[in-house]
Amino acid sequence: MSKENYSLRPDKSNLPKLTRHRPIITKHLRVYFVKSSSTNSKIAIRIPKKHVKLAVVRNFIRRRLLNQFRESLPNHGIDVLLTISNKIHSAKNEISDILMQEWKLCIQQLRKL
C-alpha cells in the first residue's frame, strides 16, 4: 500500500463541517462524518488527556485506529472526526482493545453510506 495522506486536521475550518451532521455514538466513541468531494478518505482522531491519561497509550490507540481506517475505508470519500467521549476505566493494555471493538462497529456503519 502506498503512503497516502489520511490525516485531517480538526481545526476551526473543518470542525463545523464535520459536526453539523448526526454522529455515530457508542459507549466510548463519537464518530462524526461527512461525504468528501475527493475519493480519498481522511480521519482526525481526538483523544483528550482527561479520558486517557498516558501519552503512550493515547499514541498507541491513535496508531491502531488510523491503521484500521486505512485498511477499511481507503477510497470511500468520507471525512471522519473520531473522538473519545468517555473516560475508560480499564487496565491500560485493555483500553485499545475496547476501542477497537467499538471502532469496527462504526466502520461497518460507515461502509453503508
PDB file of N, CA and C in Angstrom:
ATOM      1  N   MET A   1       0.849  -1.175   0.000  1.00  0.00           N
ATOM      2  CA  MET A   1       0.000   0.000   0.000  1.00  0.00           C
ATOM      3  C   MET A   1       0.894   1.238   0.000  1.00  0.00           C
ATOM      4  N   SER A   2       0.599   2.166  -0.839  1.00  0.00           N
ATOM      5  CA  SER A   2       1.395   3.377  -0.906  1.00  0.00           C
ATOM      6  C   SER A   2       1.103   4.268   0.287  1.00  0.00           C
ATOM      7  N   LYS A   3       2.069   5.101   0.610  1.00  0.00           N
ATOM      8  CA  LYS A   3       1.946   6.009   1.749  1.00  0.00           C
ATOM      9  C   LYS A   3       1.135   7.219   1.311  1.00  0.00           C
ATOM     10  N   GLU A   4      -0.155   7.207   1.611  1.00  0.00           N
ATOM     11  CA  GLU A   4      -1.034   8.308   1.241  1.00  0.00           C
ATOM     12  C   GLU A   4      -1.361   9.128   2.471  1.00  0.00           C
ATOM     13  N   ASN A   5      -1.839  10.323   2.262  1.00  0.00           N
ATOM     14  CA  ASN A   5      -2.182  11.204   3.360  1.00  0.00           C
ATOM     15  C   ASN A   5      -3.625  10.952   3.789  1.00  0.00           C
ATOM     16  N   TYR A   6      -3.792  10.404   4.982  1.00  0.00           N
ATOM     17  CA  TYR A   6      -5.114  10.132   5.523  1.00  0.00           C
ATOM     18  C   TYR A   6      -5.471  11.113   6.629  1.00  0.00           C
ATOM     19  N   SER A   7      -4.594  12.077   6.902  1.00  0.00           N
ATOM     20  CA  SER A   7      -4.824  12.949   8.051  1.00  0.00           C
ATOM     21  C   SER A   7      -5.734  14.117   7.701  1.00  0.00           C
ATOM     22  N   LEU A   8      -6.531  14.477   8.660  1.00  0.00           N
ATOM     23  CA  LEU A   8      -7.442  15.603   8.556  1.00  0.00           C
ATOM     24  C   LEU A   8      -7.285  16.394   9.840  1.00  0.00           C
ATOM     25  N   ARG A   9      -6.975  17.667   9.731  1.00  0.00           N
ATOM     26  CA  ARG A   9      -6.772  18.476  10.933  1.00  0.00           C
ATOM     27  C   ARG A   9      -8.115  18.944  11.485  1.00  0.00           C
ATOM     28  N   PRO A  10      -8.328  18.712  12.774  1.00  0.00           N
ATOM     29  CA  PRO A  10      -9.577  19.187  13.381  1.00  0.00           C
ATOM     30  C   PRO A  10      -9.468  20.655  13.791  1.00  0.00           C
ATOM     31  N   ASP A  11      -9.313  21.534  12.810  1.00  0.00           N
ATOM     32  CA  ASP A  11      -9.165  22.954  13.114  1.00  0.00           C
ATOM     33  C   ASP A  11     -10.495  23.686  12.937  1.00  0.00           C
ATOM     34  N   LYS A  12     -10.466  24.992  13.069  1.00  0.00           N
ATOM     35  CA  LYS A  12     -11.697  25.788  13.043  1.00  0.00           C
ATOM     36  C   LYS A  12     -12.431  25.715  11.710  1.00  0.00           C
ATOM     37  N   SER A  13     -11.721  25.454  10.630  1.00  0.00           N
ATOM     38  CA  SER A  13     -12.391  25.389   9.328  1.00  0.00           C
ATOM     39  C   SER A  13     -13.080  24.040   9.098  1.00  0.00           C
ATOM     40  N   ASN A  14     -12.545  22.963   9.665  1.00  0.00           N
ATOM     41  CA  ASN A  14     -13.110  21.631   9.448  1.00  0.00           C
ATOM     42  C   ASN A  14     -14.151  21.222  10.482  1.00  0.00           C
ATOM     43  N   LEU A  15     -14.024  21.699  11.712  1.00  0.00           N
ATOM     44  CA  LEU A  15     -14.938  21.253  12.767  1.00  0.00           C
ATOM     45  C   LEU A  15     -16.405  21.550  12.489  1.00  0.00           C
ATOM     46  N   PRO A  16     -16.776  22.754  12.079  1.00  0.00           N
ATOM     47  CA  PRO A  16     -18.207  22.980  11.821  1.00  0.00           C
ATOM     48  C   PRO A  16     -18.757  22.091  10.710  1.00  0.00           C
ATOM     49  N   LYS A  17     -17.957  21.833   9.703  1.00  0.00           N
ATOM     50  CA  LYS A  17     -18.389  20.978   8.597  1.00  0.00           C
ATOM     51  C   LYS A  17     -18.619  19.544   9.079  1.00  0.00           C
ATOM     52  N   LEU A  18     -17.748  19.049   9.949  1.00  0.00           N
ATOM     53  CA  LEU A  18     -17.849  17.669  10.412  1.00  0.00           C
ATOM     54  C   LEU A  18     -18.915  17.477  11.484  1.00  0.00           C
ATOM     55  N   THR A  19     -19.077  18.442  12.370  1.00  0.00           N
ATOM     56  CA  THR A  19     -20.005  18.268  13.491  1.00  0.00           C
ATOM     57  C   THR A  19     -21.430  18.679  13.151  1.00  0.00           C
ATOM     58  N   ARG A  20     -21.675  19.119  11.947  1.00  0.00           N
ATOM     59  CA  ARG A  20     -23.015  19.536  11.522  1.00  0.00           C
ATOM     60  C   ARG A  20     -23.983  18.354  11.471  1.00  0.00           C
ATOM     61  N   HIS A  21     -23.495  17.191  11.097  1.00  0.00           N
ATOM     62  CA  HIS A  21     -24.345  16.013  10.934  1.00  0.00           C
ATOM     63  C   HIS A  21     -24.405  15.199  12.220  1.00  0.00           C
ATOM     64  N   ARG A  22     -25.377  14.342  12.298  1.00  0.00           N
ATOM     65  CA  ARG A  22     -25.558  13.498  13.475  1.00  0.00           C
ATOM     66  C   ARG A  22     -24.444  12.447  13.547  1.00  0.00           C
ATOM     67  N   PRO A  23     -23.800  12.286  14.705  1.00  0.00           N
ATOM     68  CA  PRO A  23     -22.689  11.337  14.811  1.00  0.00           C
ATOM     69  C   PRO A  23     -23.155   9.908  15.064  1.00  0.00           C
ATOM     70  N   ILE A  24     -22.226   8.986  14.874  1.00  0.00           N
ATOM     71  CA  ILE A  24     -22.407   7.607  15.316  1.00  0.00           C
ATOM     72  C   ILE A  24     -21.865   7.567  16.742  1.00  0.00           C
ATOM     73  N   ILE A  25     -22.693   7.138  17.685  1.00  0.00           N
ATOM     74  CA  ILE A  25     -22.295   7.178  19.086  1.00  0.00           C
ATOM     75  C   ILE A  25     -22.278   5.762  19.652  1.00  0.00           C
ATOM     76  N   THR A  26     -21.149   5.408  20.278  1.00  0.00           N
ATOM     77  CA  THR A  26     -21.039   4.155  21.016  1.00  0.00           C
ATOM     78  C   THR A  26     -20.746   4.507  22.470  1.00  0.00           C
ATOM     79  N   LYS A  27     -20.412   3.515  23.263  1.00  0.00           N
ATOM     80  CA  LYS A  27     -20.181   3.764  24.681  1.00  0.00           C
ATOM     81  C   LYS A  27     -19.015   4.714  24.920  1.00  0.00           C
ATOM     82  N   HIS A  28     -17.937   4.569  24.155  1.00  0.00           N
ATOM     83  CA  HIS A  28     -16.743   5.382  24.367  1.00  0.00           C
ATOM     84  C   HIS A  28     -16.358   6.255  23.182  1.00  0.00           C
ATOM     85  N   LEU A  29     -16.973   6.060  22.032  1.00  0.00           N
ATOM     86  CA  LEU A  29     -16.588   6.800  20.828  1.00  0.00           C
ATOM     87  C   LEU A  29     -17.738   7.649  20.310  1.00  0.00           C
ATOM     88  N   ARG A  30     -17.361   8.735  19.680  1.00  0.00           N
ATOM     89  CA  ARG A  30     -18.302   9.567  18.943  1.00  0.00           C
ATOM     90  C   ARG A  30     -17.652   9.812  17.581  1.00  0.00           C
ATOM     91  N   VAL A  31     -18.332   9.400  16.519  1.00  0.00           N
ATOM     92  CA  VAL A  31     -17.769   9.468  15.171  1.00  0.00           C
ATOM     93  C   VAL A  31     -18.621  10.400  14.323  1.00  0.00           C
ATOM     94  N   TYR A  32     -18.036  11.543  13.959  1.00  0.00           N
ATOM     95  CA  TYR A  32     -18.684  12.483  13.044  1.00  0.00           C
ATOM     96  C   TYR A  32     -18.150  12.200  11.645  1.00  0.00           C
ATOM     97  N   PHE A  33     -18.989  12.343  10.647  1.00  0.00           N
ATOM     98  CA  PHE A  33     -18.549  12.052   9.284  1.00  0.00           C
ATOM     99  C   PHE A  33     -19.292  12.935   8.303  1.00  0.00           C
ATOM    100  N   VAL A  34     -18.663  13.149   7.161  1.00  0.00           N
ATOM    101  CA  VAL A  34     -19.283  13.891   6.072  1.00  0.00           C
ATOM    102  C   VAL A  34     -18.687  13.363   4.771  1.00  0.00           C
ATOM    103  N   LYS A  35     -19.509  13.299   3.736  1.00  0.00           N
ATOM    104  CA  LYS A  35     -19.015  12.886   2.421  1.00  0.00           C
ATOM    105  C   LYS A  35     -18.028  13.931   1.913  1.00  0.00           C
ATOM    106  N   SER A  36     -16.959  13.459   1.326  1.00  0.00           N
ATOM    107  CA  SER A  36     -15.915  14.338   0.821  1.00  0.00           C
ATOM    108  C   SER A  36     -16.041  14.494  -0.689  1.00  0.00           C
ATOM    109  N   SER A  37     -15.509  15.593  -1.199  1.00  0.00           N
ATOM    110  CA  SER A  37     -15.528  15.796  -2.646  1.00  0.00           C
ATOM    111  C   SER A  37     -14.467  14.944  -3.342  1.00  0.00           C
ATOM    112  N   SER A  38     -13.418  14.569  -2.616  1.00  0.00           N
ATOM    113  CA  SER A  38     -12.388  13.715  -3.204  1.00  0.00           C
ATOM    114  C   SER A  38     -12.727  12.250  -2.948  1.00  0.00           C
ATOM    115  N   THR A  39     -12.017  11.358  -3.625  1.00  0.00           N
ATOM    116  CA  THR A  39     -12.264   9.929  -3.441  1.00  0.00           C
ATOM    117  C   THR A  39     -11.524   9.373  -2.238  1.00  0.00           C
ATOM    118  N   ASN A  40     -10.499  10.064  -1.766  1.00  0.00           N
ATOM    119  CA  ASN A  40      -9.740   9.588  -0.613  1.00  0.00           C
ATOM    120  C   ASN A  40     -10.479   9.900   0.677  1.00  0.00           C
ATOM    121  N   SER A  41     -10.403   8.981   1.621  1.00  0.00           N
ATOM    122  CA  SER A  41     -10.985   9.194   2.940  1.00  0.00           C
ATOM    123  C   SER A  41      -9.925   9.786   3.861  1.00  0.00           C
ATOM    124  N   LYS A  42     -10.360  10.656   4.775  1.00  0.00           N
ATOM    125  CA  LYS A  42      -9.447  11.268   5.737  1.00  0.00           C
ATOM    126  C   LYS A  42     -10.046  11.166   7.126  1.00  0.00           C
ATOM    127  N   ILE A  43      -9.157  11.146   8.126  1.00  0.00           N
ATOM    128  CA  ILE A  43      -9.608  10.990   9.504  1.00  0.00           C
ATOM    129  C   ILE A  43      -8.845  11.934  10.427  1.00  0.00           C
ATOM    130  N   ALA A  44      -9.553  12.453  11.413  1.00  0.00           N
ATOM    131  CA  ALA A  44      -8.954  13.209  12.513  1.00  0.00           C
ATOM    132  C   ALA A  44      -9.331  12.467  13.787  1.00  0.00           C
ATOM    133  N   ILE A  45      -8.347  12.213  14.635  1.00  0.00           N
ATOM    134  CA  ILE A  45      -8.577  11.454  15.864  1.00  0.00           C
ATOM    135  C   ILE A  45      -8.270  12.353  17.050  1.00  0.00           C
ATOM    136  N   ARG A  46      -9.253  12.505  17.949  1.00  0.00           N
ATOM    137  CA  ARG A  46      -9.074  13.311  19.154  1.00  0.00           C
ATOM    138  C   ARG A  46      -9.194  12.405  20.369  1.00  0.00           C
ATOM    139  N   ILE A  47      -8.126  12.361  21.151  1.00  0.00           N
ATOM    140  CA  ILE A  47      -8.130  11.584  22.384  1.00  0.00           C
ATOM    141  C   ILE A  47      -7.746  12.534  23.512  1.00  0.00           C
ATOM    142  N   PRO A  48      -8.716  13.067  24.239  1.00  0.00           N
ATOM    143  CA  PRO A  48      -8.403  14.017  25.309  1.00  0.00           C
ATOM    144  C   PRO A  48      -7.619  13.363  26.444  1.00  0.00           C
ATOM    145  N   LYS A  49      -6.746  14.147  27.035  1.00  0.00           N
ATOM    146  CA  LYS A  49      -5.920  13.663  28.128  1.00  0.00           C
ATOM    147  C   LYS A  49      -6.760  13.271  29.337  1.00  0.00           C
ATOM    148  N   LYS A  50      -7.884  13.934  29.525  1.00  0.00           N
ATOM    149  CA  LYS A  50      -8.699  13.601  30.699  1.00  0.00           C
ATOM    150  C   LYS A  50      -9.401  12.248  30.556  1.00  0.00           C
ATOM    151  N   HIS A  51      -9.483  11.709  29.337  1.00  0.00           N
ATOM    152  CA  HIS A  51     -10.098  10.398  29.142  1.00  0.00           C
ATOM    153  C   HIS A  51      -9.073   9.273  29.129  1.00  0.00           C
ATOM    154  N   VAL A  52      -7.895   9.524  28.573  1.00  0.00           N
ATOM    155  CA  VAL A  52      -6.800   8.544  28.564  1.00  0.00           C
ATOM    156  C   VAL A  52      -5.559   9.285  29.034  1.00  0.00           C
ATOM    157  N   LYS A  53      -5.112   8.985  30.244  1.00  0.00           N
ATOM    158  CA  LYS A  53      -4.069   9.781  30.897  1.00  0.00           C
ATOM    159  C   LYS A  53      -2.690   9.655  30.244  1.00  0.00           C
ATOM    160  N   LEU A  54      -2.247   8.449  29.974  1.00  0.00           N
ATOM    161  CA  LEU A  54      -0.880   8.245  29.499  1.00  0.00           C
ATOM    162  C   LEU A  54      -0.735   8.562  28.012  1.00  0.00           C
ATOM    163  N   ALA A  55       0.275   9.362  27.686  1.00  0.00           N
ATOM    164  CA  ALA A  55       0.526   9.732  26.292  1.00  0.00           C
ATOM    165  C   ALA A  55       0.901   8.515  25.451  1.00  0.00           C
ATOM    166  N   VAL A  56       1.601   7.576  26.048  1.00  0.00           N
ATOM    167  CA  VAL A  56       1.987   6.364  25.328  1.00  0.00           C
ATOM    168  C   VAL A  56       0.743   5.598  24.880  1.00  0.00           C
ATOM    169  N   VAL A  57      -0.228   5.509  25.756  1.00  0.00           N
ATOM    170  CA  VAL A  57      -1.462   4.797  25.431  1.00  0.00           C
ATOM    171  C   VAL A  57      -2.263   5.576  24.391  1.00  0.00           C
ATOM    172  N   ARG A  58      -2.327   6.911  24.530  1.00  0.00           N
ATOM    173  CA  ARG A  58      -3.045   7.734  23.541  1.00  0.00           C
ATOM    174  C   ARG A  58      -2.446   7.564  22.154  1.00  0.00           C
ATOM    175  N   ASN A  59      -1.134   7.595  22.051  1.00  0.00           N
ATOM    176  CA  ASN A  59      -0.474   7.440  20.749  1.00  0.00           C
ATOM    177  C   ASN A  59      -0.661   6.035  20.188  1.00  0.00           C
ATOM    178  N   PHE A  60      -0.627   5.028  21.050  1.00  0.00           N
ATOM    179  CA  PHE A  60      -0.845   3.649  20.610  1.00  0.00           C
ATOM    180  C   PHE A  60      -2.256   3.481  20.055  1.00  0.00           C
ATOM    181  N   ILE A  61      -3.229   4.047  20.753  1.00  0.00           N
ATOM    182  CA  ILE A  61      -4.620   3.989  20.293  1.00  0.00           C
ATOM    183  C   ILE A  61      -4.763   4.701  18.958  1.00  0.00           C
ATOM    184  N   ARG A  62      -4.158   5.880  18.842  1.00  0.00           N
ATOM    185  CA  ARG A  62      -4.229   6.666  17.613  1.00  0.00           C
ATOM    186  C   ARG A  62      -3.658   5.883  16.431  1.00  0.00           C
ATOM    187  N   ARG A  63      -2.511   5.230  16.635  1.00  0.00           N
ATOM    188  CA  ARG A  63      -1.896   4.446  15.556  1.00  0.00           C
ATOM    189  C   ARG A  63      -2.770   3.262  15.152  1.00  0.00           C
ATOM    190  N   ARG A  64      -3.340   2.569  16.125  1.00  0.00           N
ATOM    191  CA  ARG A  64      -4.195   1.411  15.803  1.00  0.00           C
ATOM    192  C   ARG A  64      -5.456   1.833  15.064  1.00  0.00           C
ATOM    193  N   LEU A  65      -6.083   2.923  15.511  1.00  0.00           N
ATOM    194  CA  LEU A  65      -7.297   3.393  14.849  1.00  0.00           C
ATOM    195  C   LEU A  65      -7.008   3.853  13.424  1.00  0.00           C
ATOM    196  N   LEU A  66      -5.900   4.565  13.235  1.00  0.00           N
ATOM    197  CA  LEU A  66      -5.533   5.039  11.904  1.00  0.00           C
ATOM    198  C   LEU A  66      -5.226   3.873  10.966  1.00  0.00           C
ATOM    199  N   ASN A  67      -4.529   2.873  11.471  1.00  0.00           N
ATOM    200  CA  ASN A  67      -4.207   1.709  10.650  1.00  0.00           C
ATOM    201  C   ASN A  67      -5.475   0.962  10.232  1.00  0.00           C
ATOM    202  N   GLN A  68      -6.399   0.792  11.150  1.00  0.00           N
ATOM    203  CA  GLN A  68      -7.665   0.128  10.827  1.00  0.00           C
ATOM    204  C   GLN A  68      -8.459   0.943   9.810  1.00  0.00           C
ATOM    205  N   PHE A  69      -8.415   2.264   9.935  1.00  0.00           N
ATOM    206  CA  PHE A  69      -9.101   3.147   8.992  1.00  0.00           C
ATOM    207  C   PHE A  69      -8.511   3.005   7.595  1.00  0.00           C
ATOM    208  N   ARG A  70      -7.190   2.967   7.498  1.00  0.00           N
ATOM    209  CA  ARG A  70      -6.523   2.817   6.196  1.00  0.00           C
ATOM    210  C   ARG A  70      -6.916   1.521   5.506  1.00  0.00           C
ATOM    211  N   GLU A  71      -7.012   0.452   6.288  1.00  0.00           N
ATOM    212  CA  GLU A  71      -7.348  -0.848   5.708  1.00  0.00           C
ATOM    213  C   GLU A  71      -8.821  -0.946   5.319  1.00  0.00           C
ATOM    214  N   SER A  72      -9.696  -0.299   6.079  1.00  0.00           N
ATOM    215  CA  SER A  72     -11.133  -0.498   5.894  1.00  0.00           C
ATOM    216  C   SER A  72     -11.797   0.485   4.942  1.00  0.00           C
ATOM    217  N   LEU A  73     -11.411   1.747   4.994  1.00  0.00           N
ATOM    218  CA  LEU A  73     -12.102   2.781   4.206  1.00  0.00           C
ATOM    219  C   LEU A  73     -11.132   3.625   3.381  1.00  0.00           C
ATOM    220  N   PRO A  74     -10.305   3.038   2.529  1.00  0.00           N
ATOM    221  CA  PRO A  74      -9.321   3.857   1.823  1.00  0.00           C
ATOM    222  C   PRO A  74      -9.913   4.782   0.768  1.00  0.00           C
ATOM    223  N   ASN A  75     -10.905   4.335   0.021  1.00  0.00           N
ATOM    224  CA  ASN A  75     -11.411   5.127  -1.104  1.00  0.00           C
ATOM    225  C   ASN A  75     -12.924   5.319  -1.054  1.00  0.00           C
ATOM    226  N   HIS A  76     -13.457   5.552   0.107  1.00  0.00           N
ATOM    227  CA  HIS A  76     -14.897   5.766   0.236  1.00  0.00           C
ATOM    228  C   HIS A  76     -15.279   7.241   0.150  1.00  0.00           C
ATOM    229  N   GLY A  77     -14.308   8.140   0.179  1.00  0.00           N
ATOM    230  CA  GLY A  77     -14.607   9.566   0.081  1.00  0.00           C
ATOM    231  C   GLY A  77     -15.347  10.110   1.289  1.00  0.00           C
ATOM    232  N   ILE A  78     -14.906   9.720   2.477  1.00  0.00           N
ATOM    233  CA  ILE A  78     -15.540  10.161   3.713  1.00  0.00           C
ATOM    234  C   ILE A  78     -14.500  10.849   4.584  1.00  0.00           C
ATOM    235  N   ASP A  79     -14.847  12.016   5.124  1.00  0.00           N
ATOM    236  CA  ASP A  79     -14.023  12.671   6.132  1.00  0.00           C
ATOM    237  C   ASP A  79     -14.608  12.326   7.494  1.00  0.00           C
ATOM    238  N   VAL A  80     -13.750  11.880   8.411  1.00  0.00           N
ATOM    239  CA  VAL A  80     -14.206  11.370   9.702  1.00  0.00           C
ATOM    240  C   VAL A  80     -13.496  12.103  10.832  1.00  0.00           C
ATOM    241  N   LEU A  81     -14.251  12.490  11.849  1.00  0.00           N
ATOM    242  CA  LEU A  81     -13.705  13.006  13.100  1.00  0.00           C
ATOM    243  C   LEU A  81     -14.086  12.015  14.179  1.00  0.00           C
ATOM    244  N   LEU A  82     -13.089  11.378  14.780  1.00  0.00           N
ATOM    245  CA  LEU A  82     -13.315  10.375  15.806  1.00  0.00           C
ATOM    246  C   LEU A  82     -12.858  10.948  17.140  1.00  0.00           C
ATOM    247  N   THR A  83     -13.738  10.990  18.124  1.00  0.00           N
ATOM    248  CA  THR A  83     -13.380  11.484  19.450  1.00  0.00           C
ATOM    249  C   THR A  83     -13.736  10.436  20.494  1.00  0.00           C
ATOM    250  N   ILE A  84     -12.938  10.390  21.530  1.00  0.00           N
ATOM    251  CA  ILE A  84     -13.263   9.543  22.671  1.00  0.00           C
ATOM    252  C   ILE A  84     -14.104  10.389  23.604  1.00  0.00           C
ATOM    253  N   SER A  85     -15.296   9.907  23.928  1.00  0.00           N
ATOM    254  CA  SER A  85     -16.256  10.736  24.640  1.00  0.00           C
ATOM    255  C   SER A  85     -16.344  10.456  26.131  1.00  0.00           C
ATOM    256  N   ASN A  86     -15.892   9.302  26.581  1.00  0.00           N
ATOM    257  CA  ASN A  86     -15.976   8.951  27.998  1.00  0.00           C
ATOM    258  C   ASN A  86     -14.651   8.410  28.495  1.00  0.00           C
ATOM    259  N   LYS A  87     -14.423   8.587  29.782  1.00  0.00           N
ATOM    260  CA  LYS A  87     -13.238   8.014  30.394  1.00  0.00           C
ATOM    261  C   LYS A  87     -13.396   6.501  30.433  1.00  0.00           C
ATOM    262  N   ILE A  88     -12.310   5.804  30.153  1.00  0.00           N
ATOM    263  CA  ILE A  88     -12.332   4.351  30.117  1.00  0.00           C
ATOM    264  C   ILE A  88     -11.667   3.840  31.389  1.00  0.00           C
ATOM    265  N   HIS A  89     -12.416   3.105  32.178  1.00  0.00           N
ATOM    266  CA  HIS A  89     -11.906   2.578  33.438  1.00  0.00           C
ATOM    267  C   HIS A  89     -11.491   1.124  33.237  1.00  0.00           C
ATOM    268  N   SER A  90     -10.312   0.931  32.674  1.00  0.00           N
ATOM    269  CA  SER A  90      -9.765  -0.404  32.432  1.00  0.00           C
ATOM    270  C   SER A  90      -8.255  -0.326  32.541  1.00  0.00           C
ATOM    271  N   ALA A  91      -7.634  -1.480  32.517  1.00  0.00           N
ATOM    272  CA  ALA A  91      -6.180  -1.514  32.504  1.00  0.00           C
ATOM    273  C   ALA A  91      -5.686  -0.933  31.186  1.00  0.00           C
ATOM    274  N   LYS A  92      -4.484  -0.356  31.212  1.00  0.00           N
ATOM    275  CA  LYS A  92      -4.007   0.345  30.018  1.00  0.00           C
ATOM    276  C   LYS A  92      -3.826  -0.560  28.808  1.00  0.00           C
ATOM    277  N   ASN A  93      -3.582  -1.862  29.031  1.00  0.00           N
ATOM    278  CA  ASN A  93      -3.440  -2.758  27.883  1.00  0.00           C
ATOM    279  C   ASN A  93      -4.790  -3.191  27.316  1.00  0.00           C
ATOM    280  N   GLU A  94      -5.880  -2.968  28.039  1.00  0.00           N
ATOM    281  CA  GLU A  94      -7.207  -3.338  27.554  1.00  0.00           C
ATOM    282  C   GLU A  94      -7.931  -2.186  26.864  1.00  0.00           C
ATOM    283  N   ILE A  95      -7.469  -0.967  27.082  1.00  0.00           N
ATOM    284  CA  ILE A  95      -8.159   0.210  26.552  1.00  0.00           C
ATOM    285  C   ILE A  95      -8.233   0.172  25.031  1.00  0.00           C
ATOM    286  N   SER A  96      -7.114  -0.110  24.376  1.00  0.00           N
ATOM    287  CA  SER A  96      -7.121  -0.099  22.910  1.00  0.00           C
ATOM    288  C   SER A  96      -7.993  -1.222  22.350  1.00  0.00           C
ATOM    289  N   ASP A  97      -8.054  -2.364  23.037  1.00  0.00           N
ATOM    290  CA  ASP A  97      -8.917  -3.453  22.563  1.00  0.00           C
ATOM    291  C   ASP A  97     -10.392  -3.070  22.644  1.00  0.00           C
ATOM    292  N   ILE A  98     -10.770  -2.401  23.724  1.00  0.00           N
ATOM    293  CA  ILE A  98     -12.155  -1.944  23.879  1.00  0.00           C
ATOM    294  C   ILE A  98     -12.513  -0.974  22.763  1.00  0.00           C
ATOM    295  N   LEU A  99     -11.630  -0.011  22.512  1.00  0.00           N
ATOM    296  CA  LEU A  99     -11.897   0.994  21.478  1.00  0.00           C
ATOM    297  C   LEU A  99     -11.900   0.392  20.080  1.00  0.00           C
ATOM    298  N   MET A 100     -11.040  -0.578  19.831  1.00  0.00           N
ATOM    299  CA  MET A 100     -11.001  -1.198  18.505  1.00  0.00           C
ATOM    300  C   MET A 100     -12.292  -1.961  18.211  1.00  0.00           C
ATOM    301  N   GLN A 101     -12.864  -2.608  19.212  1.00  0.00           N
ATOM    302  CA  GLN A 101     -14.135  -3.306  19.002  1.00  0.00           C
ATOM    303  C   GLN A 101     -15.233  -2.318  18.627  1.00  0.00           C
ATOM    304  N   GLU A 102     -15.284  -1.192  19.337  1.00  0.00           N
ATOM    305  CA  GLU A 102     -16.294  -0.180  19.023  1.00  0.00           C
ATOM    306  C   GLU A 102     -16.029   0.462  17.662  1.00  0.00           C
ATOM    307  N   TRP A 103     -14.771   0.689  17.331  1.00  0.00           N
ATOM    308  CA  TRP A 103     -14.412   1.314  16.058  1.00  0.00           C
ATOM    309  C   TRP A 103     -14.797   0.418  14.887  1.00  0.00           C
ATOM    310  N   LYS A 104     -14.630  -0.894  15.034  1.00  0.00           N
ATOM    311  CA  LYS A 104     -15.010  -1.814  13.959  1.00  0.00           C
ATOM    312  C   LYS A 104     -16.515  -1.777  13.707  1.00  0.00           C
ATOM    313  N   LEU A 105     -17.301  -1.617  14.761  1.00  0.00           N
ATOM    314  CA  LEU A 105     -18.748  -1.475  14.585  1.00  0.00           C
ATOM    315  C   LEU A 105     -19.088  -0.177  13.853  1.00  0.00           C
ATOM    316  N   CYS A 106     -18.364   0.884  14.171  1.00  0.00           N
ATOM    317  CA  CYS A 106     -18.587   2.170  13.496  1.00  0.00           C
ATOM    318  C   CYS A 106     -18.209   2.091  12.023  1.00  0.00           C
ATOM    319  N   ILE A 107     -17.133   1.382  11.714  1.00  0.00           N
ATOM    320  CA  ILE A 107     -16.702   1.235  10.321  1.00  0.00           C
ATOM    321  C   ILE A 107     -17.768   0.514   9.504  1.00  0.00           C
ATOM    322  N   GLN A 108     -18.402  -0.498  10.088  1.00  0.00           N
ATOM    323  CA  GLN A 108     -19.471  -1.201   9.376  1.00  0.00           C
ATOM    324  C   GLN A 108     -20.612  -0.250   9.030  1.00  0.00           C
ATOM    325  N   GLN A 109     -20.933   0.660   9.935  1.00  0.00           N
ATOM    326  CA  GLN A 109     -21.991   1.632   9.660  1.00  0.00           C
ATOM    327  C   GLN A 109     -21.554   2.643   8.606  1.00  0.00           C
ATOM    328  N   LEU A 110     -20.276   3.040   8.627  1.00  0.00           N
ATOM    329  CA  LEU A 110     -19.779   3.997   7.638  1.00  0.00           C
ATOM    330  C   LEU A 110     -19.739   3.392   6.238  1.00  0.00           C
ATOM    331  N   ARG A 111     -19.490   2.106   6.130  1.00  0.00           N
ATOM    332  CA  ARG A 111     -19.455   1.457   4.817  1.00  0.00           C
ATOM    333  C   ARG A 111     -20.814   1.464   4.139  1.00  0.00           C
ATOM    334  N   LYS A 112     -21.869   1.517   4.920  1.00  0.00           N
ATOM    335  CA  LYS A 112     -23.221   1.503   4.361  1.00  0.00           C
ATOM    336  C   LYS A 112     -23.594   2.822   3.699  1.00  0.00           C
ATOM    337  N   LEU A 113     -22.824   3.868   3.932  1.00  0.00           N
ATOM    338  CA  LEU A 113     -23.145   5.180   3.349  1.00  0.00           C
ATOM    339  C   LEU A 113     -22.927   5.209   1.853  1.00  0.00           C
TER     340      LEU A 113
END
